[in-house]
Amino acid sequence: MLIAMDEVQTAVYEALIAANLGCDVRDEWLAGERKKAPYVCLSAFLERSDDTKTEGGSAVWVRTHVWMSSGTRKPALAIVQKIKDALHGKTLPVNGYTMTSCRHEDTKASGGPGKAGQFVSTYKILVTEAPA
C-alpha cells in the first residue's frame, strides 16, 4: 500500500490556492516564520489504513490553521468558511488515488476577542488506491 499523505497534502493545498482565500497559504509550517495575519497553514497530517477486502485505502486527517492577529478575527472567520466551502463534501484530485470523501470534523479557536490566535479546522479525507 502506498502512503497517501503527501498526495493528499498537495491536493488540499491546490484546492485552497484555487479558492482564492485572500491571504497567504502555506502547505507546511516553518519554525520561526512570521507572516502578516491572517494567513493559512496546513499541518498535523495523520494517516491510517482504511483497506477493504479488495482495495487499499487510507483515511487522512489534515488540519488547517487560520492565524489571526489582534483585530483580524472577523476576516479570519470568513477565511475559515471559504476553506470549508472549498473542501467539505468535495472530491479533490489526489494523484494515484480515487478520493471518496472529504468531511469537515471540527473547528476550534484559540486566542480571544482583541488577541492574536488561530482557528484550527480538521478534515477527514478518505482515498482508495487508483487501479493500475
C-alpha atoms as a PDB file:
ATOM      1  CA  MET A   1       0.000   0.000   0.000  1.00  0.00           C
ATOM      2  CA  LEU A   2       1.192   3.484  -0.869  1.00  0.00           C
ATOM      3  CA  ILE A   3       1.427   6.356   1.608  1.00  0.00           C
ATOM      4  CA  ALA A   4      -1.289   8.829   0.583  1.00  0.00           C
ATOM      5  CA  MET A   5      -0.374  11.665   2.939  1.00  0.00           C
ATOM      6  CA  ASP A   6       1.868  13.670   0.576  1.00  0.00           C
ATOM      7  CA  GLU A   7      -0.538  13.411  -2.356  1.00  0.00           C
ATOM      8  CA  VAL A   8      -3.484  14.446  -0.166  1.00  0.00           C
ATOM      9  CA  GLN A   9      -1.486  17.421   1.148  1.00  0.00           C
ATOM     10  CA  THR A  10      -0.801  18.546  -2.415  1.00  0.00           C
ATOM     11  CA  ALA A  11      -4.486  18.213  -3.368  1.00  0.00           C
ATOM     12  CA  VAL A  12      -5.654  20.189  -0.327  1.00  0.00           C
ATOM     13  CA  TYR A  13      -3.043  22.914  -0.887  1.00  0.00           C
ATOM     14  CA  GLU A  14      -4.020  23.271  -4.557  1.00  0.00           C
ATOM     15  CA  ALA A  15      -7.732  23.439  -3.630  1.00  0.00           C
ATOM     16  CA  LEU A  16      -7.036  26.236  -1.151  1.00  0.00           C
ATOM     17  CA  ILE A  17      -4.960  28.185  -3.674  1.00  0.00           C
ATOM     18  CA  ALA A  18      -7.769  27.805  -6.235  1.00  0.00           C
ATOM     19  CA  ALA A  19     -10.320  29.015  -3.645  1.00  0.00           C
ATOM     20  CA  ASN A  20      -8.684  32.464  -3.655  1.00  0.00           C
ATOM     21  CA  LEU A  21      -8.815  32.876   0.118  1.00  0.00           C
ATOM     22  CA  GLY A  22      -7.405  36.401   0.005  1.00  0.00           C
ATOM     23  CA  CYS A  23      -4.402  35.573   2.185  1.00  0.00           C
ATOM     24  CA  ASP A  24      -1.124  33.681   2.111  1.00  0.00           C
ATOM     25  CA  VAL A  25      -1.453  29.865   2.142  1.00  0.00           C
ATOM     26  CA  ARG A  26       1.433  27.642   3.288  1.00  0.00           C
ATOM     27  CA  ASP A  27       1.486  23.876   2.841  1.00  0.00           C
ATOM     28  CA  GLU A  28       3.872  23.458   5.751  1.00  0.00           C
ATOM     29  CA  TRP A  29       4.858  25.271   8.916  1.00  0.00           C
ATOM     30  CA  LEU A  30       8.376  26.666   9.008  1.00  0.00           C
ATOM     31  CA  ALA A  31       9.686  27.150  12.550  1.00  0.00           C
ATOM     32  CA  GLY A  32      10.210  30.783  13.417  1.00  0.00           C
ATOM     33  CA  GLU A  33       8.449  32.038  10.298  1.00  0.00           C
ATOM     34  CA  ARG A  34       6.206  35.055  10.756  1.00  0.00           C
ATOM     35  CA  LYS A  35       3.604  36.126   8.226  1.00  0.00           C
ATOM     36  CA  LYS A  36       1.178  39.025   8.179  1.00  0.00           C
ATOM     37  CA  ALA A  37      -2.102  37.733   9.624  1.00  0.00           C
ATOM     38  CA  PRO A  38      -4.458  36.437   8.636  1.00  0.00           C
ATOM     39  CA  TYR A  39      -2.782  33.533   6.851  1.00  0.00           C
ATOM     40  CA  VAL A  40      -3.354  29.792   6.439  1.00  0.00           C
ATOM     41  CA  CYS A  41      -1.006  26.909   7.173  1.00  0.00           C
ATOM     42  CA  LEU A  42      -1.602  23.168   6.718  1.00  0.00           C
ATOM     43  CA  SER A  43      -0.363  20.808   9.405  1.00  0.00           C
ATOM     44  CA  ALA A  44      -0.839  17.686  11.504  1.00  0.00           C
ATOM     45  CA  PHE A  45      -1.339  15.171   8.748  1.00  0.00           C
ATOM     46  CA  LEU A  46      -2.281  11.764  10.136  1.00  0.00           C
ATOM     47  CA  GLU A  47      -2.848   8.676   8.008  1.00  0.00           C
ATOM     48  CA  ARG A  48      -4.471   5.396   8.966  1.00  0.00           C
ATOM     49  CA  SER A  49      -5.054   2.339   6.835  1.00  0.00           C
ATOM     50  CA  ASP A  50      -8.626   2.097   5.585  1.00  0.00           C
ATOM     51  CA  ASP A  51      -8.306  -1.015   3.412  1.00  0.00           C
ATOM     52  CA  THR A  52     -11.230  -3.095   2.281  1.00  0.00           C
ATOM     53  CA  LYS A  53     -11.011  -6.784   1.345  1.00  0.00           C
ATOM     54  CA  THR A  54     -10.416  -5.830  -2.292  1.00  0.00           C
ATOM     55  CA  GLU A  55      -8.721  -2.391  -2.270  1.00  0.00           C
ATOM     56  CA  GLY A  56      -6.025  -0.495  -0.435  1.00  0.00           C
ATOM     57  CA  GLY A  57      -7.187   2.743   1.112  1.00  0.00           C
ATOM     58  CA  SER A  58      -6.358   5.402   3.643  1.00  0.00           C
ATOM     59  CA  ALA A  59      -8.054   7.821   5.951  1.00  0.00           C
ATOM     60  CA  VAL A  60      -6.019  11.029   6.111  1.00  0.00           C
ATOM     61  CA  TRP A  61      -6.690  13.848   8.555  1.00  0.00           C
ATOM     62  CA  VAL A  62      -5.451  17.332   7.773  1.00  0.00           C
ATOM     63  CA  ARG A  63      -5.670  20.459   9.868  1.00  0.00           C
ATOM     64  CA  THR A  64      -5.950  23.953   8.503  1.00  0.00           C
ATOM     65  CA  HIS A  65      -4.718  26.742  10.763  1.00  0.00           C
ATOM     66  CA  VAL A  66      -6.023  30.233  10.101  1.00  0.00           C
ATOM     67  CA  TRP A  67      -3.771  32.552  12.071  1.00  0.00           C
ATOM     68  CA  MET A  68      -5.059  35.933  13.147  1.00  0.00           C
ATOM     69  CA  SER A  69      -3.634  38.965  14.876  1.00  0.00           C
ATOM     70  CA  SER A  70      -5.456  41.417  17.060  1.00  0.00           C
ATOM     71  CA  GLY A  71      -8.341  42.882  15.089  1.00  0.00           C
ATOM     72  CA  THR A  72      -8.432  40.204  12.340  1.00  0.00           C
ATOM     73  CA  ARG A  73     -10.943  37.764  13.930  1.00  0.00           C
ATOM     74  CA  LYS A  74     -13.829  38.503  11.532  1.00  0.00           C
ATOM     75  CA  PRO A  75     -11.675  38.269   8.389  1.00  0.00           C
ATOM     76  CA  ALA A  76     -10.147  35.051   9.773  1.00  0.00           C
ATOM     77  CA  LEU A  77     -13.620  33.559  10.315  1.00  0.00           C
ATOM     78  CA  ALA A  78     -14.517  34.416   6.721  1.00  0.00           C
ATOM     79  CA  ILE A  79     -11.393  32.518   5.595  1.00  0.00           C
ATOM     80  CA  VAL A  80     -12.392  29.520   7.750  1.00  0.00           C
ATOM     81  CA  GLN A  81     -15.747  29.474   5.933  1.00  0.00           C
ATOM     82  CA  LYS A  82     -14.095  29.753   2.494  1.00  0.00           C
ATOM     83  CA  ILE A  83     -11.858  26.792   3.375  1.00  0.00           C
ATOM     84  CA  LYS A  84     -14.877  24.753   4.433  1.00  0.00           C
ATOM     85  CA  ASP A  85     -16.651  25.694   1.192  1.00  0.00           C
ATOM     86  CA  ALA A  86     -13.578  24.562  -0.796  1.00  0.00           C
ATOM     87  CA  LEU A  87     -13.088  21.207   0.990  1.00  0.00           C
ATOM     88  CA  HIS A  88     -16.185  19.878   2.774  1.00  0.00           C
ATOM     89  CA  GLY A  89     -18.141  17.408   0.658  1.00  0.00           C
ATOM     90  CA  LYS A  90     -15.834  17.948  -2.316  1.00  0.00           C
ATOM     91  CA  THR A  91     -13.881  15.445  -4.381  1.00  0.00           C
ATOM     92  CA  LEU A  92     -10.294  16.595  -4.848  1.00  0.00           C
ATOM     93  CA  PRO A  93      -7.910  15.185  -7.475  1.00  0.00           C
ATOM     94  CA  VAL A  94      -5.402  13.093  -5.479  1.00  0.00           C
ATOM     95  CA  ASN A  95      -2.591  11.738  -7.679  1.00  0.00           C
ATOM     96  CA  GLY A  96      -2.557   7.906  -7.615  1.00  0.00           C
ATOM     97  CA  TYR A  97      -5.807   7.665  -5.668  1.00  0.00           C
ATOM     98  CA  THR A  98      -9.540   7.885  -6.023  1.00  0.00           C
ATOM     99  CA  MET A  99     -10.892  10.222  -3.399  1.00  0.00           C
ATOM    100  CA  THR A 100     -14.143   9.069  -1.901  1.00  0.00           C
ATOM    101  CA  SER A 101     -14.849  11.649   0.778  1.00  0.00           C
ATOM    102  CA  CYS A 102     -13.702  14.915   2.376  1.00  0.00           C
ATOM    103  CA  ARG A 103     -15.548  15.894   5.539  1.00  0.00           C
ATOM    104  CA  HIS A 104     -15.143  18.763   7.976  1.00  0.00           C
ATOM    105  CA  GLU A 105     -14.912  17.325  11.503  1.00  0.00           C
ATOM    106  CA  ASP A 106     -14.475  20.362  13.740  1.00  0.00           C
ATOM    107  CA  THR A 107     -13.118  23.883  14.173  1.00  0.00           C
ATOM    108  CA  LYS A 108     -11.542  25.149  17.375  1.00  0.00           C
ATOM    109  CA  ALA A 109     -10.429  28.653  18.289  1.00  0.00           C
ATOM    110  CA  SER A 110      -7.579  29.888  20.447  1.00  0.00           C
ATOM    111  CA  GLY A 111      -6.967  33.435  21.496  1.00  0.00           C
ATOM    112  CA  GLY A 112      -9.896  35.706  22.111  1.00  0.00           C
ATOM    113  CA  PRO A 113     -11.508  38.994  21.162  1.00  0.00           C
ATOM    114  CA  GLY A 114      -8.786  41.544  20.573  1.00  0.00           C
ATOM    115  CA  LYS A 115      -6.000  38.945  20.850  1.00  0.00           C
ATOM    116  CA  ALA A 116      -3.846  37.047  18.387  1.00  0.00           C
ATOM    117  CA  GLY A 117      -4.705  33.378  17.907  1.00  0.00           C
ATOM    118  CA  GLN A 118      -5.872  30.827  15.408  1.00  0.00           C
ATOM    119  CA  PHE A 119      -8.796  28.786  14.158  1.00  0.00           C
ATOM    120  CA  VAL A 120      -7.899  25.117  13.650  1.00  0.00           C
ATOM    121  CA  SER A 121     -10.188  23.008  11.468  1.00  0.00           C
ATOM    122  CA  THR A 122      -9.847  19.261  10.999  1.00  0.00           C
ATOM    123  CA  TYR A 123     -10.846  17.465   7.800  1.00  0.00           C
ATOM    124  CA  LYS A 124     -11.001  13.700   7.238  1.00  0.00           C
ATOM    125  CA  ILE A 125     -10.236  12.579   3.697  1.00  0.00           C
ATOM    126  CA  LEU A 126     -10.829   9.019   2.509  1.00  0.00           C
ATOM    127  CA  VAL A 127      -8.944   7.708  -0.514  1.00  0.00           C
ATOM    128  CA  THR A 128      -8.540   4.361  -2.264  1.00  0.00           C
ATOM    129  CA  GLU A 129      -5.641   3.358  -4.479  1.00  0.00           C
ATOM    130  CA  ALA A 130      -6.368   4.032  -8.138  1.00  0.00           C
ATOM    131  CA  PRO A 131      -6.489   0.945 -10.358  1.00  0.00           C
ATOM    132  CA  ALA A 132      -3.152   0.206 -12.015  1.00  0.00           C
END
